[in-house]
Amino acid sequence: MGGMNNVQPEKTLQKAALEQYLAGGFSVDSIITQASNCCKQLAVENGKGAMPAWEGRLDSDEIESVAEYVFKQAEGNLW
């Protein structure tokens, strides 16, 4: 949805929001850490509400690729 967030509208994938809300600041490593931590949480592993289950779907290389994509999109304001 263009980097937007329907559940928590202020927490988008836009650079300004990532700088504000991402622990560790705006970096690929911070995005990887956030994604890795989320994948360990029960709601993400098994799905909850509108969130589909992701357990076993992404390995560490895939998480890194997604993080790099998110970073590049946000950095270049490409959403």
N, C-alpha and C. Protein backbone atom coordinates (compact mmCIF):
# COMPACT_ATOMS: atom_id res chain seq x y z
N MET A 1 0.83 -1.19 0.00
CA MET A 1 0.00 0.00 0.00
C MET A 1 0.87 1.25 0.00
N GLY A 2 1.89 1.28 -0.82
CA GLY A 2 2.69 2.48 -0.95
C GLY A 2 3.45 2.88 0.30
N GLY A 3 3.83 1.91 1.12
CA GLY A 3 4.57 2.22 2.34
C GLY A 3 3.71 2.73 3.47
N MET A 4 2.39 2.70 3.29
CA MET A 4 1.48 3.20 4.31
C MET A 4 1.13 2.08 5.29
N ASN A 5 0.43 2.43 6.37
CA ASN A 5 0.07 1.48 7.42
C ASN A 5 -1.39 1.72 7.79
N ASN A 6 -2.25 0.75 7.51
CA ASN A 6 -3.66 0.90 7.81
C ASN A 6 -3.98 0.65 9.28
N VAL A 7 -3.12 -0.06 9.99
CA VAL A 7 -3.37 -0.38 11.39
C VAL A 7 -2.88 0.74 12.30
N GLN A 8 -1.65 1.20 12.09
CA GLN A 8 -1.09 2.32 12.84
C GLN A 8 -0.62 3.36 11.81
N PRO A 9 -1.52 4.24 11.39
CA PRO A 9 -1.25 5.15 10.27
C PRO A 9 0.02 5.98 10.41
N GLU A 10 0.43 6.31 11.63
CA GLU A 10 1.62 7.14 11.81
C GLU A 10 2.91 6.34 11.58
N LYS A 11 2.85 5.02 11.65
CA LYS A 11 4.04 4.17 11.51
C LYS A 11 4.10 3.61 10.09
N THR A 12 4.51 4.46 9.18
CA THR A 12 4.60 4.08 7.77
C THR A 12 6.02 3.63 7.44
N LEU A 13 6.25 3.34 6.18
CA LEU A 13 7.60 3.01 5.70
C LEU A 13 8.25 4.23 5.05
N GLN A 14 7.69 5.40 5.30
CA GLN A 14 8.31 6.64 4.83
C GLN A 14 9.54 6.92 5.68
N LYS A 15 10.54 7.56 5.10
CA LYS A 15 11.80 7.80 5.81
C LYS A 15 11.60 8.53 7.13
N ALA A 16 10.79 9.57 7.15
CA ALA A 16 10.58 10.34 8.39
C ALA A 16 10.01 9.47 9.50
N ALA A 17 9.06 8.60 9.16
CA ALA A 17 8.47 7.72 10.17
C ALA A 17 9.48 6.67 10.64
N LEU A 18 10.26 6.13 9.72
CA LEU A 18 11.28 5.15 10.11
C LEU A 18 12.32 5.81 11.02
N GLU A 19 12.71 7.03 10.72
CA GLU A 19 13.66 7.74 11.58
C GLU A 19 13.08 7.95 12.97
N GLN A 20 11.79 8.23 13.04
CA GLN A 20 11.14 8.51 14.32
C GLN A 20 10.86 7.26 15.14
N TYR A 21 10.37 6.20 14.51
CA TYR A 21 9.87 5.05 15.24
C TYR A 21 10.78 3.83 15.25
N LEU A 22 11.74 3.74 14.37
CA LEU A 22 12.58 2.55 14.27
C LEU A 22 13.69 2.59 15.31
N ALA A 23 13.70 1.60 16.20
CA ALA A 23 14.76 1.51 17.21
C ALA A 23 16.10 1.39 16.51
N GLY A 24 17.05 2.22 16.91
CA GLY A 24 18.37 2.18 16.29
C GLY A 24 18.53 3.14 15.13
N GLY A 25 17.45 3.86 14.78
CA GLY A 25 17.54 4.83 13.71
C GLY A 25 17.32 4.23 12.33
N PHE A 26 17.40 5.08 11.34
CA PHE A 26 17.13 4.70 9.96
C PHE A 26 18.35 4.04 9.34
N SER A 27 18.35 2.71 9.30
CA SER A 27 19.45 1.96 8.68
C SER A 27 18.95 0.58 8.28
N VAL A 28 19.65 -0.04 7.37
CA VAL A 28 19.30 -1.40 6.96
C VAL A 28 19.38 -2.33 8.16
N ASP A 29 20.41 -2.19 8.99
CA ASP A 29 20.56 -3.05 10.16
C ASP A 29 19.39 -2.92 11.12
N SER A 30 18.90 -1.70 11.34
CA SER A 30 17.75 -1.50 12.22
C SER A 30 16.49 -2.15 11.65
N ILE A 31 16.32 -2.06 10.34
CA ILE A 31 15.17 -2.68 9.69
C ILE A 31 15.27 -4.20 9.81
N ILE A 32 16.47 -4.75 9.61
CA ILE A 32 16.67 -6.20 9.75
C ILE A 32 16.36 -6.63 11.18
N THR A 33 16.85 -5.89 12.16
CA THR A 33 16.60 -6.23 13.57
C THR A 33 15.11 -6.21 13.85
N GLN A 34 14.42 -5.17 13.41
CA GLN A 34 12.98 -5.07 13.63
C GLN A 34 12.24 -6.22 12.97
N ALA A 35 12.58 -6.52 11.73
CA ALA A 35 11.92 -7.61 11.01
C ALA A 35 12.21 -8.95 11.67
N SER A 36 13.44 -9.17 12.08
CA SER A 36 13.80 -10.43 12.74
C SER A 36 13.06 -10.59 14.06
N ASN A 37 12.98 -9.50 14.84
CA ASN A 37 12.26 -9.55 16.11
C ASN A 37 10.78 -9.80 15.90
N CYS A 38 10.21 -9.18 14.89
CA CYS A 38 8.79 -9.38 14.60
C CYS A 38 8.50 -10.82 14.20
N CYS A 39 9.40 -11.41 13.45
CA CYS A 39 9.18 -12.79 13.01
C CYS A 39 9.19 -13.76 14.17
N LYS A 40 9.77 -13.37 15.29
CA LYS A 40 9.82 -14.24 16.46
C LYS A 40 8.56 -14.11 17.31
N GLN A 41 7.79 -13.06 17.11
CA GLN A 41 6.61 -12.83 17.93
C GLN A 41 5.48 -13.73 17.46
N LEU A 42 4.72 -14.24 18.42
CA LEU A 42 3.66 -15.20 18.15
C LEU A 42 2.64 -14.68 17.16
N ALA A 43 2.24 -13.42 17.27
CA ALA A 43 1.21 -12.89 16.37
C ALA A 43 1.67 -12.93 14.91
N VAL A 44 2.93 -12.67 14.68
CA VAL A 44 3.44 -12.69 13.31
C VAL A 44 3.64 -14.12 12.83
N GLU A 45 4.13 -14.99 13.71
CA GLU A 45 4.36 -16.37 13.32
C GLU A 45 3.07 -17.08 12.95
N ASN A 46 2.04 -16.87 13.74
CA ASN A 46 0.78 -17.60 13.56
C ASN A 46 -0.32 -16.78 12.91
N GLY A 47 -0.08 -15.51 12.73
CA GLY A 47 -1.10 -14.63 12.17
C GLY A 47 -2.04 -14.15 13.26
N LYS A 48 -2.58 -12.97 13.05
CA LYS A 48 -3.54 -12.41 14.00
C LYS A 48 -4.29 -11.29 13.31
N GLY A 49 -5.60 -11.33 13.35
CA GLY A 49 -6.39 -10.30 12.70
C GLY A 49 -6.09 -10.26 11.21
N ALA A 50 -5.75 -9.07 10.72
CA ALA A 50 -5.44 -8.90 9.29
C ALA A 50 -4.03 -9.38 8.94
N MET A 51 -3.20 -9.65 9.95
CA MET A 51 -1.81 -10.06 9.71
C MET A 51 -1.75 -11.55 9.38
N PRO A 52 -1.21 -11.91 8.22
CA PRO A 52 -1.08 -13.33 7.88
C PRO A 52 0.07 -13.97 8.66
N ALA A 53 0.07 -15.28 8.75
CA ALA A 53 1.16 -16.00 9.40
C ALA A 53 2.41 -15.96 8.53
N TRP A 54 3.56 -15.73 9.15
CA TRP A 54 4.83 -15.65 8.41
C TRP A 54 5.85 -16.68 8.88
N GLU A 55 5.52 -17.48 9.86
CA GLU A 55 6.48 -18.45 10.38
C GLU A 55 7.02 -19.33 9.26
N GLY A 56 8.33 -19.40 9.16
CA GLY A 56 8.96 -20.27 8.18
C GLY A 56 8.93 -19.75 6.75
N ARG A 57 8.38 -18.57 6.53
CA ARG A 57 8.29 -18.05 5.16
C ARG A 57 9.51 -17.28 4.71
N LEU A 58 10.18 -16.61 5.63
CA LEU A 58 11.35 -15.81 5.27
C LEU A 58 12.56 -16.27 6.06
N ASP A 59 13.65 -16.57 5.35
CA ASP A 59 14.89 -16.88 6.06
C ASP A 59 15.67 -15.58 6.24
N SER A 60 16.82 -15.66 6.89
CA SER A 60 17.57 -14.44 7.20
C SER A 60 18.02 -13.68 5.95
N ASP A 61 18.36 -14.39 4.88
CA ASP A 61 18.75 -13.72 3.64
C ASP A 61 17.57 -12.97 3.02
N GLU A 62 16.40 -13.57 3.09
CA GLU A 62 15.20 -12.92 2.54
C GLU A 62 14.82 -11.70 3.38
N ILE A 63 14.95 -11.80 4.71
CA ILE A 63 14.68 -10.66 5.57
C ILE A 63 15.64 -9.52 5.23
N GLU A 64 16.92 -9.84 5.01
CA GLU A 64 17.90 -8.82 4.64
C GLU A 64 17.54 -8.17 3.31
N SER A 65 17.10 -8.95 2.34
CA SER A 65 16.71 -8.40 1.04
C SER A 65 15.51 -7.47 1.17
N VAL A 66 14.54 -7.85 1.97
CA VAL A 66 13.37 -7.00 2.20
C VAL A 66 13.79 -5.71 2.89
N ALA A 67 14.66 -5.82 3.89
CA ALA A 67 15.13 -4.64 4.61
C ALA A 67 15.86 -3.68 3.68
N GLU A 68 16.70 -4.20 2.80
CA GLU A 68 17.41 -3.35 1.84
C GLU A 68 16.43 -2.67 0.89
N TYR A 69 15.41 -3.39 0.48
CA TYR A 69 14.39 -2.82 -0.40
C TYR A 69 13.64 -1.69 0.31
N VAL A 70 13.21 -1.93 1.55
CA VAL A 70 12.49 -0.91 2.32
C VAL A 70 13.37 0.32 2.49
N PHE A 71 14.63 0.11 2.83
CA PHE A 71 15.56 1.22 3.03
C PHE A 71 15.70 2.05 1.75
N LYS A 72 15.94 1.39 0.62
CA LYS A 72 16.12 2.10 -0.65
C LYS A 72 14.86 2.85 -1.06
N GLN A 73 13.71 2.23 -0.87
CA GLN A 73 12.45 2.89 -1.21
C GLN A 73 12.25 4.14 -0.36
N ALA A 74 12.50 4.00 0.96
CA ALA A 74 12.31 5.14 1.86
C ALA A 74 13.36 6.22 1.61
N GLU A 75 14.60 5.81 1.44
CA GLU A 75 15.70 6.76 1.21
C GLU A 75 15.45 7.60 -0.04
N GLY A 76 14.94 6.97 -1.09
CA GLY A 76 14.69 7.67 -2.34
C GLY A 76 13.29 8.24 -2.47
N ASN A 77 12.50 8.15 -1.38
CA ASN A 77 11.10 8.62 -1.40
C ASN A 77 10.35 8.01 -2.58
N LEU A 78 10.50 6.69 -2.75
CA LEU A 78 9.94 5.98 -3.90
C LEU A 78 8.62 5.27 -3.61
N TRP A 79 8.10 5.39 -2.41
CA TRP A 79 6.82 4.75 -2.11
C TRP A 79 5.75 5.50 -2.85
